[in-house]
Amino acid sequence: MRATAKFFSLTYVITWSALYFVMRGAHRSEAIMLLGTFAPALVAIGLTYRAEGHAGVAALLKRMLIWDVPARWYVFALAFMPAIKLLVALIIRIGYGAWPRFGTDSWDVIVLATIVSTIPQAGEEIGWRGYALPRLAARLGAGPASIVLGVVWAAWHLPWFFVQGADKSGQSFPVFTLQVTAISVLVAWVYFRTGGSVLLTMLMHSASNQSIGIVPSTVEGATPLGNEQFASCVAHGGVAVVPGRVLPRAHATAGPARAAEPRLKVGRSGLQVSLRNASTGLSLAARRAGR
């Protein structure tokens, strides 16, 4: 837990400091913004290298190469957020008797943008899901870990609400936090069900970002509890209930490997040494017969 707390602290310090300089009008603001955006991955790689060396970093980065998973998870990662946005529109139509304002981007543009922007999501996902989630899950369980991570993940975005012209400007931060926490549960579900594939979480993160405009989160003159952002929060929370109930029973097998546990036993038949890995359950035994 200490390593996870250090990860969160360093990530916040780097990102929030970078955004502070951007808001102050510092030079090379784009480079500084990029540093803040990629802070989760950079901190995760740095802490992993310090604790586990090159081998640990390689194992962390290899999670981006876990692609051989059932096709249904690719469909879920790509289609979940557009489906939620359409559900939001339906909720508003039923509740207020009129369809909300829809975005102008075509579906082919949204799909192309999602694919192109998947790789940059590594800047966050290596840290949030690749590093923090399995460690939190090992301590708290998968379900609570996904909720805690969701709150931390949402709060990390807080400075963007004060950056003029940013996409978060004008939104309700409490409602945003509820949305992101619900998404965190769903992304964690995908992560564990795909054997720890950071690639799939990157794809889902990208799809979430690129499909926001299907039904914009803010509408001029919308009622406080009747706008698209609140309806989206309701839809996210409702859909996240099922994975949220399943996650507590999930094994955090996608987490960092635990050391093998050697056991020594001496009996009448001689000396027996067994080596068991607590993560995989695999064991190796050797016996030396007594004289």
C-alpha atoms as a PDB file:
ATOM      1  CA  MET A   1       0.000   0.000   0.000  1.00  0.00           C
ATOM      2  CA  ARG A   2       2.942   2.325   0.643  1.00  0.00           C
ATOM      3  CA  ALA A   3       4.082   2.009  -2.983  1.00  0.00           C
ATOM      4  CA  THR A   4       0.563   2.821  -4.204  1.00  0.00           C
ATOM      5  CA  ALA A   5       0.334   5.878  -1.946  1.00  0.00           C
ATOM      6  CA  LYS A   6       3.705   7.049  -3.235  1.00  0.00           C
ATOM      7  CA  PHE A   7       2.477   6.538  -6.804  1.00  0.00           C
ATOM      8  CA  PHE A   8      -0.641   8.632  -6.210  1.00  0.00           C
ATOM      9  CA  SER A   9       1.301  11.392  -4.438  1.00  0.00           C
ATOM     10  CA  LEU A  10       4.009  11.747  -7.086  1.00  0.00           C
ATOM     11  CA  THR A  11       1.470  11.607  -9.912  1.00  0.00           C
ATOM     12  CA  TYR A  12      -0.613  14.373  -8.346  1.00  0.00           C
ATOM     13  CA  VAL A  13       2.429  16.549  -7.653  1.00  0.00           C
ATOM     14  CA  ILE A  14       3.763  16.286 -11.201  1.00  0.00           C
ATOM     15  CA  THR A  15       0.421  16.749 -12.958  1.00  0.00           C
ATOM     16  CA  TRP A  16      -0.909  19.528 -10.786  1.00  0.00           C
ATOM     17  CA  SER A  17       2.426  21.376 -10.841  1.00  0.00           C
ATOM     18  CA  ALA A  18       2.529  21.138 -14.630  1.00  0.00           C
ATOM     19  CA  LEU A  19      -1.009  22.473 -14.971  1.00  0.00           C
ATOM     20  CA  TYR A  20      -0.243  25.261 -12.511  1.00  0.00           C
ATOM     21  CA  PHE A  21       2.566  26.477 -14.772  1.00  0.00           C
ATOM     22  CA  VAL A  22       0.280  26.184 -17.791  1.00  0.00           C
ATOM     23  CA  MET A  23      -2.387  28.308 -16.094  1.00  0.00           C
ATOM     24  CA  ARG A  24       0.300  30.850 -15.171  1.00  0.00           C
ATOM     25  CA  GLY A  25       1.200  31.158 -18.839  1.00  0.00           C
ATOM     26  CA  ALA A  26       4.602  29.474 -18.683  1.00  0.00           C
ATOM     27  CA  HIS A  27       6.597  28.993 -21.882  1.00  0.00           C
ATOM     28  CA  ARG A  28       6.396  25.684 -23.770  1.00  0.00           C
ATOM     29  CA  SER A  29       3.024  25.046 -22.197  1.00  0.00           C
ATOM     30  CA  GLU A  30       2.273  22.165 -24.600  1.00  0.00           C
ATOM     31  CA  ALA A  31       5.337  20.238 -23.434  1.00  0.00           C
ATOM     32  CA  ILE A  32       4.469  20.891 -19.809  1.00  0.00           C
ATOM     33  CA  MET A  33       0.880  19.807 -20.411  1.00  0.00           C
ATOM     34  CA  LEU A  34       2.159  16.605 -22.013  1.00  0.00           C
ATOM     35  CA  LEU A  35       4.328  15.937 -18.963  1.00  0.00           C
ATOM     36  CA  GLY A  36       1.321  16.331 -16.693  1.00  0.00           C
ATOM     37  CA  THR A  37      -0.840  14.085 -18.846  1.00  0.00           C
ATOM     38  CA  PHE A  38       1.739  11.274 -18.978  1.00  0.00           C
ATOM     39  CA  ALA A  39       2.646  11.551 -15.292  1.00  0.00           C
ATOM     40  CA  PRO A  40       0.792   8.342 -14.254  1.00  0.00           C
ATOM     41  CA  ALA A  41       2.811   6.208 -16.677  1.00  0.00           C
ATOM     42  CA  LEU A  42       6.116   7.957 -15.965  1.00  0.00           C
ATOM     43  CA  VAL A  43       5.732   7.599 -12.205  1.00  0.00           C
ATOM     44  CA  ALA A  44       4.641   3.964 -12.512  1.00  0.00           C
ATOM     45  CA  ILE A  45       7.648   3.109 -14.674  1.00  0.00           C
ATOM     46  CA  GLY A  46      10.009   4.941 -12.334  1.00  0.00           C
ATOM     47  CA  LEU A  47       8.728   3.263  -9.180  1.00  0.00           C
ATOM     48  CA  THR A  48       8.693  -0.147 -10.863  1.00  0.00           C
ATOM     49  CA  TYR A  49      12.274   0.270 -12.050  1.00  0.00           C
ATOM     50  CA  ARG A  50      13.413   1.294  -8.592  1.00  0.00           C
ATOM     51  CA  ALA A  51      11.721  -1.692  -6.937  1.00  0.00           C
ATOM     52  CA  GLU A  52      12.069  -4.412  -9.579  1.00  0.00           C
ATOM     53  CA  GLY A  53      14.594  -3.225 -12.155  1.00  0.00           C
ATOM     54  CA  HIS A  54      14.418  -3.764 -15.903  1.00  0.00           C
ATOM     55  CA  ALA A  55      12.509  -7.031 -15.539  1.00  0.00           C
ATOM     56  CA  GLY A  56       9.709  -5.340 -13.612  1.00  0.00           C
ATOM     57  CA  VAL A  57       9.423  -2.524 -16.152  1.00  0.00           C
ATOM     58  CA  ALA A  58       9.322  -5.035 -18.996  1.00  0.00           C
ATOM     59  CA  ALA A  59       6.538  -6.981 -17.268  1.00  0.00           C
ATOM     60  CA  LEU A  60       4.576  -3.769 -16.711  1.00  0.00           C
ATOM     61  CA  LEU A  61       4.885  -2.627 -20.324  1.00  0.00           C
ATOM     62  CA  LYS A  62       4.068  -6.085 -21.700  1.00  0.00           C
ATOM     63  CA  ARG A  63       0.531  -5.631 -20.414  1.00  0.00           C
ATOM     64  CA  MET A  64       0.028  -3.297 -23.369  1.00  0.00           C
ATOM     65  CA  LEU A  65       0.718  -6.276 -25.659  1.00  0.00           C
ATOM     66  CA  ILE A  66      -1.987  -8.555 -24.240  1.00  0.00           C
ATOM     67  CA  TRP A  67      -4.208  -8.537 -27.319  1.00  0.00           C
ATOM     68  CA  ASP A  68      -5.253 -12.190 -27.717  1.00  0.00           C
ATOM     69  CA  VAL A  69      -8.557 -11.954 -25.847  1.00  0.00           C
ATOM     70  CA  PRO A  70     -12.107 -12.900 -26.937  1.00  0.00           C
ATOM     71  CA  ALA A  71     -13.553 -10.512 -29.520  1.00  0.00           C
ATOM     72  CA  ARG A  72     -16.467  -9.614 -27.254  1.00  0.00           C
ATOM     73  CA  TRP A  73     -14.130  -7.580 -25.044  1.00  0.00           C
ATOM     74  CA  TYR A  74     -13.040  -5.451 -28.013  1.00  0.00           C
ATOM     75  CA  VAL A  75     -16.707  -4.906 -28.866  1.00  0.00           C
ATOM     76  CA  PHE A  76     -17.485  -3.978 -25.258  1.00  0.00           C
ATOM     77  CA  ALA A  77     -14.527  -1.587 -25.001  1.00  0.00           C
ATOM     78  CA  LEU A  78     -15.494   0.182 -28.228  1.00  0.00           C
ATOM     79  CA  ALA A  79     -19.278   0.200 -27.890  1.00  0.00           C
ATOM     80  CA  PHE A  80     -19.915   0.786 -24.187  1.00  0.00           C
ATOM     81  CA  MET A  81     -19.635   4.570 -24.113  1.00  0.00           C
ATOM     82  CA  PRO A  82     -21.618   5.202 -27.331  1.00  0.00           C
ATOM     83  CA  ALA A  83     -24.321   2.909 -25.932  1.00  0.00           C
ATOM     84  CA  ILE A  84     -24.336   4.878 -22.669  1.00  0.00           C
ATOM     85  CA  LYS A  85     -24.658   8.152 -24.577  1.00  0.00           C
ATOM     86  CA  LEU A  86     -27.642   6.845 -26.511  1.00  0.00           C
ATOM     87  CA  LEU A  87     -29.151   5.625 -23.228  1.00  0.00           C
ATOM     88  CA  VAL A  88     -28.647   9.139 -21.832  1.00  0.00           C
ATOM     89  CA  ALA A  89     -30.568  10.577 -24.765  1.00  0.00           C
ATOM     90  CA  LEU A  90     -33.394   8.106 -24.152  1.00  0.00           C
ATOM     91  CA  ILE A  91     -33.528   8.958 -20.426  1.00  0.00           C
ATOM     92  CA  ILE A  92     -33.828  12.667 -21.253  1.00  0.00           C
ATOM     93  CA  ARG A  93     -36.447  11.977 -23.910  1.00  0.00           C
ATOM     94  CA  ILE A  94     -38.564   9.995 -21.438  1.00  0.00           C
ATOM     95  CA  GLY A  95     -38.073  12.454 -18.578  1.00  0.00           C
ATOM     96  CA  TYR A  96     -38.464  15.759 -20.427  1.00  0.00           C
ATOM     97  CA  GLY A  97     -40.405  14.898 -23.587  1.00  0.00           C
ATOM     98  CA  ALA A  98     -37.696  16.136 -25.940  1.00  0.00           C
ATOM     99  CA  TRP A  99     -34.492  14.754 -27.376  1.00  0.00           C
ATOM    100  CA  PRO A 100     -31.244  16.386 -26.186  1.00  0.00           C
ATOM    101  CA  ARG A 101     -28.809  18.206 -28.433  1.00  0.00           C
ATOM    102  CA  PHE A 102     -26.679  15.663 -30.315  1.00  0.00           C
ATOM    103  CA  GLY A 103     -23.123  16.191 -31.517  1.00  0.00           C
ATOM    104  CA  THR A 104     -22.204  16.662 -35.154  1.00  0.00           C
ATOM    105  CA  ASP A 105     -19.384  14.106 -35.481  1.00  0.00           C
ATOM    106  CA  SER A 106     -20.193  11.169 -37.747  1.00  0.00           C
ATOM    107  CA  TRP A 107     -19.813   7.596 -36.509  1.00  0.00           C
ATOM    108  CA  ASP A 108     -16.911   6.826 -38.837  1.00  0.00           C
ATOM    109  CA  VAL A 109     -15.009   9.843 -37.506  1.00  0.00           C
ATOM    110  CA  ILE A 110     -15.624   8.733 -33.916  1.00  0.00           C
ATOM    111  CA  VAL A 111     -14.399   5.193 -34.629  1.00  0.00           C
ATOM    112  CA  LEU A 112     -11.294   6.435 -36.457  1.00  0.00           C
ATOM    113  CA  ALA A 113     -10.489   8.922 -33.684  1.00  0.00           C
ATOM    114  CA  THR A 114     -10.884   6.177 -31.089  1.00  0.00           C
ATOM    115  CA  ILE A 115      -8.409   3.898 -32.859  1.00  0.00           C
ATOM    116  CA  VAL A 116      -5.873   6.672 -33.465  1.00  0.00           C
ATOM    117  CA  SER A 117      -6.003   7.956 -29.884  1.00  0.00           C
ATOM    118  CA  THR A 118      -5.722   4.544 -28.220  1.00  0.00           C
ATOM    119  CA  ILE A 119      -1.913   4.571 -27.996  1.00  0.00           C
ATOM    120  CA  PRO A 120      -1.684   7.965 -26.193  1.00  0.00           C
ATOM    121  CA  GLN A 121      -3.937   6.562 -23.462  1.00  0.00           C
ATOM    122  CA  ALA A 122      -0.913   4.574 -22.305  1.00  0.00           C
ATOM    123  CA  GLY A 123       0.133   7.778 -20.559  1.00  0.00           C
ATOM    124  CA  GLU A 124      -2.615   7.173 -18.019  1.00  0.00           C
ATOM    125  CA  GLU A 125      -3.457   3.479 -18.233  1.00  0.00           C
ATOM    126  CA  ILE A 126       0.038   2.150 -17.505  1.00  0.00           C
ATOM    127  CA  GLY A 127      -0.246   3.969 -14.205  1.00  0.00           C
ATOM    128  CA  TRP A 128      -3.906   3.657 -13.213  1.00  0.00           C
ATOM    129  CA  ARG A 129      -4.653   0.121 -14.366  1.00  0.00           C
ATOM    130  CA  GLY A 130      -1.218  -1.364 -15.007  1.00  0.00           C
ATOM    131  CA  TYR A 131       0.371  -0.272 -11.719  1.00  0.00           C
ATOM    132  CA  ALA A 132      -2.177   0.969  -9.166  1.00  0.00           C
ATOM    133  CA  LEU A 133      -5.211  -1.267  -9.713  1.00  0.00           C
ATOM    134  CA  PRO A 134      -3.592  -4.686  -9.120  1.00  0.00           C
ATOM    135  CA  ARG A 135      -1.821  -3.407  -6.018  1.00  0.00           C
ATOM    136  CA  LEU A 136      -5.001  -1.909  -4.588  1.00  0.00           C
ATOM    137  CA  ALA A 137      -6.911  -5.078  -5.457  1.00  0.00           C
ATOM    138  CA  ALA A 138      -4.366  -7.244  -3.661  1.00  0.00           C
ATOM    139  CA  ARG A 139      -5.012  -5.215  -0.507  1.00  0.00           C
ATOM    140  CA  LEU A 140      -8.690  -4.216  -0.754  1.00  0.00           C
ATOM    141  CA  GLY A 141     -10.229  -6.648  -3.218  1.00  0.00           C
ATOM    142  CA  ALA A 142     -11.067  -5.926  -6.834  1.00  0.00           C
ATOM    143  CA  GLY A 143     -14.410  -4.214  -6.237  1.00  0.00           C
ATOM    144  CA  PRO A 144     -13.379  -1.701  -3.555  1.00  0.00           C
ATOM    145  CA  ALA A 145     -10.095  -1.109  -5.384  1.00  0.00           C
ATOM    146  CA  SER A 146     -11.916  -0.068  -8.560  1.00  0.00           C
ATOM    147  CA  ILE A 147     -14.026   2.419  -6.594  1.00  0.00           C
ATOM    148  CA  VAL A 148     -11.083   3.908  -4.694  1.00  0.00           C
ATOM    149  CA  LEU A 149      -9.118   4.201  -7.921  1.00  0.00           C
ATOM    150  CA  GLY A 150     -12.100   5.846  -9.603  1.00  0.00           C
ATOM    151  CA  VAL A 151     -12.250   8.589  -6.977  1.00  0.00           C
ATOM    152  CA  VAL A 152      -8.477   9.146  -7.173  1.00  0.00           C
ATOM    153  CA  TRP A 153      -8.617   9.142 -10.965  1.00  0.00           C
ATOM    154  CA  ALA A 154     -11.442  11.694 -11.002  1.00  0.00           C
ATOM    155  CA  ALA A 155      -9.740  13.989  -8.473  1.00  0.00           C
ATOM    156  CA  TRP A 156      -6.560  13.904 -10.576  1.00  0.00           C
ATOM    157  CA  HIS A 157      -8.554  15.756 -13.283  1.00  0.00           C
ATOM    158  CA  LEU A 158      -9.561  18.570 -10.913  1.00  0.00           C
ATOM    159  CA  PRO A 159      -7.143  21.250 -12.267  1.00  0.00           C
ATOM    160  CA  TRP A 160      -8.582  20.819 -15.775  1.00  0.00           C
ATOM    161  CA  PHE A 161     -11.840  22.283 -14.465  1.00  0.00           C
ATOM    162  CA  PHE A 162      -9.985  25.573 -13.962  1.00  0.00           C
ATOM    163  CA  VAL A 163      -8.087  25.644 -17.271  1.00  0.00           C
ATOM    164  CA  GLN A 164      -9.792  28.106 -19.588  1.00  0.00           C
ATOM    165  CA  GLY A 165     -11.032  26.367 -22.721  1.00  0.00           C
ATOM    166  CA  ALA A 166     -10.426  22.830 -21.423  1.00  0.00           C
ATOM    167  CA  ASP A 167     -13.116  20.228 -22.107  1.00  0.00           C
ATOM    168  CA  LYS A 168     -13.841  19.930 -18.369  1.00  0.00           C
ATOM    169  CA  SER A 169     -14.493  23.647 -17.954  1.00  0.00           C
ATOM    170  CA  GLY A 170     -18.111  24.341 -17.022  1.00  0.00           C
ATOM    171  CA  GLN A 171     -18.907  20.824 -15.848  1.00  0.00           C
ATOM    172  CA  SER A 172     -19.985  19.743 -12.386  1.00  0.00           C
ATOM    173  CA  PHE A 173     -17.034  18.126 -10.640  1.00  0.00           C
ATOM    174  CA  PRO A 174     -19.127  16.028  -8.181  1.00  0.00           C
ATOM    175  CA  VAL A 175     -21.159  14.593 -11.055  1.00  0.00           C
ATOM    176  CA  PHE A 176     -17.970  14.040 -13.065  1.00  0.00           C
ATOM    177  CA  THR A 177     -16.531  12.121 -10.107  1.00  0.00           C
ATOM    178  CA  LEU A 178     -19.551   9.823 -10.011  1.00  0.00           C
ATOM    179  CA  GLN A 179     -19.255   9.232 -13.758  1.00  0.00           C
ATOM    180  CA  VAL A 180     -15.540   8.454 -13.627  1.00  0.00           C
ATOM    181  CA  THR A 181     -15.943   6.158 -10.619  1.00  0.00           C
ATOM    182  CA  ALA A 182     -18.602   4.159 -12.490  1.00  0.00           C
ATOM    183  CA  ILE A 183     -16.310   3.962 -15.534  1.00  0.00           C
ATOM    184  CA  SER A 184     -13.467   2.835 -13.270  1.00  0.00           C
ATOM    185  CA  VAL A 185     -15.551  -0.149 -12.112  1.00  0.00           C
ATOM    186  CA  LEU A 186     -16.255  -1.126 -15.711  1.00  0.00           C
ATOM    187  CA  VAL A 187     -12.671  -0.691 -16.868  1.00  0.00           C
ATOM    188  CA  ALA A 188     -11.441  -2.742 -13.906  1.00  0.00           C
ATOM    189  CA  TRP A 189     -13.914  -5.453 -14.884  1.00  0.00           C
ATOM    190  CA  VAL A 190     -12.437  -5.511 -18.410  1.00  0.00           C
ATOM    191  CA  TYR A 191      -8.901  -5.516 -17.010  1.00  0.00           C
ATOM    192  CA  PHE A 192      -9.392  -8.548 -14.786  1.00  0.00           C
ATOM    193  CA  ARG A 193     -11.544 -10.454 -17.258  1.00  0.00           C
ATOM    194  CA  THR A 194      -8.905 -10.089 -19.974  1.00  0.00           C
ATOM    195  CA  GLY A 195      -6.010 -11.275 -17.842  1.00  0.00           C
ATOM    196  CA  GLY A 196      -4.657  -7.807 -17.111  1.00  0.00           C
ATOM    197  CA  SER A 197      -4.750  -6.348 -20.630  1.00  0.00           C
ATOM    198  CA  VAL A 198      -3.787  -2.687 -20.452  1.00  0.00           C
ATOM    199  CA  LEU A 199      -4.330  -2.566 -24.221  1.00  0.00           C
ATOM    200  CA  LEU A 200      -8.063  -3.160 -23.713  1.00  0.00           C
ATOM    201  CA  THR A 201      -8.268  -0.512 -20.991  1.00  0.00           C
ATOM    202  CA  MET A 202      -6.475   1.918 -23.313  1.00  0.00           C
ATOM    203  CA  LEU A 203      -9.023   1.174 -26.031  1.00  0.00           C
ATOM    204  CA  MET A 204     -11.949   1.657 -23.654  1.00  0.00           C
ATOM    205  CA  HIS A 205     -10.444   4.880 -22.298  1.00  0.00           C
ATOM    206  CA  SER A 206     -10.031   6.185 -25.836  1.00  0.00           C
ATOM    207  CA  ALA A 207     -13.594   5.234 -26.779  1.00  0.00           C
ATOM    208  CA  SER A 208     -14.841   7.015 -23.667  1.00  0.00           C
ATOM    209  CA  ASN A 209     -12.988  10.209 -24.586  1.00  0.00           C
ATOM    210  CA  GLN A 210     -13.902  10.225 -28.264  1.00  0.00           C
ATOM    211  CA  SER A 211     -17.607   9.505 -27.841  1.00  0.00           C
ATOM    212  CA  ILE A 212     -18.282  12.255 -25.311  1.00  0.00           C
ATOM    213  CA  GLY A 213     -19.611  14.544 -28.033  1.00  0.00           C
ATOM    214  CA  ILE A 214     -22.414  12.178 -29.081  1.00  0.00           C
ATOM    215  CA  VAL A 215     -24.486  13.842 -26.374  1.00  0.00           C
ATOM    216  CA  PRO A 216     -22.503  16.814 -24.995  1.00  0.00           C
ATOM    217  CA  SER A 217     -22.058  16.964 -21.236  1.00  0.00           C
ATOM    218  CA  THR A 218     -23.277  20.518 -20.866  1.00  0.00           C
ATOM    219  CA  VAL A 219     -26.166  22.328 -22.488  1.00  0.00           C
ATOM    220  CA  GLU A 220     -26.845  26.033 -22.262  1.00  0.00           C
ATOM    221  CA  GLY A 221     -29.891  26.645 -20.100  1.00  0.00           C
ATOM    222  CA  ALA A 222     -30.238  23.057 -18.935  1.00  0.00           C
ATOM    223  CA  THR A 223     -31.877  22.454 -15.578  1.00  0.00           C
ATOM    224  CA  PRO A 224     -29.440  21.614 -12.737  1.00  0.00           C
ATOM    225  CA  LEU A 225     -30.533  17.986 -12.441  1.00  0.00           C
ATOM    226  CA  GLY A 226     -31.933  17.564 -15.928  1.00  0.00           C
ATOM    227  CA  ASN A 227     -28.887  18.089 -18.103  1.00  0.00           C
ATOM    228  CA  GLU A 228     -26.951  15.521 -20.076  1.00  0.00           C
ATOM    229  CA  GLN A 229     -24.164  15.219 -17.535  1.00  0.00           C
ATOM    230  CA  PHE A 230     -26.485  14.180 -14.735  1.00  0.00           C
ATOM    231  CA  ALA A 231     -28.383  11.741 -16.944  1.00  0.00           C
ATOM    232  CA  SER A 232     -25.068  10.294 -18.070  1.00  0.00           C
ATOM    233  CA  CYS A 233     -24.119   9.804 -14.427  1.00  0.00           C
ATOM    234  CA  VAL A 234     -27.350   7.904 -13.786  1.00  0.00           C
ATOM    235  CA  ALA A 235     -26.786   5.716 -16.841  1.00  0.00           C
ATOM    236  CA  HIS A 236     -23.154   4.981 -15.911  1.00  0.00           C
ATOM    237  CA  GLY A 237     -24.057   4.069 -12.364  1.00  0.00           C
ATOM    238  CA  GLY A 238     -26.874   1.770 -13.403  1.00  0.00           C
ATOM    239  CA  VAL A 239     -24.762  -0.130 -15.924  1.00  0.00           C
ATOM    240  CA  ALA A 240     -21.819  -0.416 -13.502  1.00  0.00           C
ATOM    241  CA  VAL A 241     -23.912  -2.265 -10.911  1.00  0.00           C
ATOM    242  CA  VAL A 242     -23.445  -5.708 -12.491  1.00  0.00           C
ATOM    243  CA  PRO A 243     -19.628  -5.554 -12.818  1.00  0.00           C
ATOM    244  CA  GLY A 244     -19.526  -3.966  -9.376  1.00  0.00           C
ATOM    245  CA  ARG A 245     -21.216  -7.026  -7.904  1.00  0.00           C
ATOM    246  CA  VAL A 246     -18.984  -9.420  -9.837  1.00  0.00           C
ATOM    247  CA  LEU A 247     -15.644  -7.721  -9.139  1.00  0.00           C
ATOM    248  CA  PRO A 248     -15.471  -8.519  -5.397  1.00  0.00           C
ATOM    249  CA  ARG A 249     -15.365 -12.205  -6.353  1.00  0.00           C
ATOM    250  CA  ALA A 250     -12.669 -11.701  -8.984  1.00  0.00           C
ATOM    251  CA  HIS A 251      -9.130 -12.814  -8.331  1.00  0.00           C
ATOM    252  CA  ALA A 252      -6.508 -10.117  -8.753  1.00  0.00           C
ATOM    253  CA  THR A 253      -4.420 -12.557 -10.774  1.00  0.00           C
ATOM    254  CA  ALA A 254      -3.399  -9.783 -13.123  1.00  0.00           C
ATOM    255  CA  GLY A 255      -1.442  -8.084 -10.370  1.00  0.00           C
ATOM    256  CA  PRO A 256       2.283  -8.072  -9.711  1.00  0.00           C
ATOM    257  CA  ALA A 257       3.757 -11.516  -9.265  1.00  0.00           C
ATOM    258  CA  ARG A 258       4.359 -12.664  -5.727  1.00  0.00           C
ATOM    259  CA  ALA A 259       7.556 -14.365  -4.784  1.00  0.00           C
ATOM    260  CA  ALA A 260       7.757 -18.124  -4.716  1.00  0.00           C
ATOM    261  CA  GLU A 261       7.366 -19.623  -1.260  1.00  0.00           C
ATOM    262  CA  PRO A 262       9.932 -22.332  -0.421  1.00  0.00           C
ATOM    263  CA  ARG A 263       8.987 -25.040   2.056  1.00  0.00           C
ATOM    264  CA  LEU A 264      11.297 -27.566   3.697  1.00  0.00           C
ATOM    265  CA  LYS A 265      10.083 -30.845   5.157  1.00  0.00           C
ATOM    266  CA  VAL A 266      12.116 -33.640   6.725  1.00  0.00           C
ATOM    267  CA  GLY A 267      10.541 -37.044   7.225  1.00  0.00           C
ATOM    268  CA  ARG A 268      11.372 -40.700   7.369  1.00  0.00           C
ATOM    269  CA  SER A 269      11.571 -40.881   3.610  1.00  0.00           C
ATOM    270  CA  GLY A 270      14.215 -38.181   3.480  1.00  0.00           C
ATOM    271  CA  LEU A 271      14.454 -34.447   2.741  1.00  0.00           C
ATOM    272  CA  GLN A 272      11.702 -32.842   0.647  1.00  0.00           C
ATOM    273  CA  VAL A 273      11.877 -29.280  -0.723  1.00  0.00           C
ATOM    274  CA  SER A 274       8.880 -27.673  -2.428  1.00  0.00           C
ATOM    275  CA  LEU A 275       8.673 -24.314  -4.171  1.00  0.00           C
ATOM    276  CA  ARG A 276       5.212 -22.822  -4.662  1.00  0.00           C
ATOM    277  CA  ASN A 277       4.227 -19.587  -6.396  1.00  0.00           C
ATOM    278  CA  ALA A 278       1.371 -17.974  -4.491  1.00  0.00           C
ATOM    279  CA  SER A 279       0.066 -16.128  -7.543  1.00  0.00           C
ATOM    280  CA  THR A 280      -0.105 -18.972 -10.022  1.00  0.00           C
ATOM    281  CA  GLY A 281      -0.501 -21.877  -7.623  1.00  0.00           C
ATOM    282  CA  LEU A 282       2.174 -23.810  -9.482  1.00  0.00           C
ATOM    283  CA  SER A 283       4.588 -25.882  -7.407  1.00  0.00           C
ATOM    284  CA  LEU A 284       7.833 -27.745  -7.895  1.00  0.00           C
ATOM    285  CA  ALA A 285       8.989 -30.456  -5.527  1.00  0.00           C
ATOM    286  CA  ALA A 286      12.270 -32.271  -5.099  1.00  0.00           C
ATOM    287  CA  ARG A 287      13.064 -35.150  -2.748  1.00  0.00           C
ATOM    288  CA  ARG A 288      16.262 -36.685  -1.521  1.00  0.00           C
ATOM    289  CA  ALA A 289      15.917 -40.172  -0.130  1.00  0.00           C
ATOM    290  CA  GLY A 290      17.283 -40.877   3.320  1.00  0.00           C
ATOM    291  CA  ARG A 291      20.228 -43.228   3.824  1.00  0.00           C
END
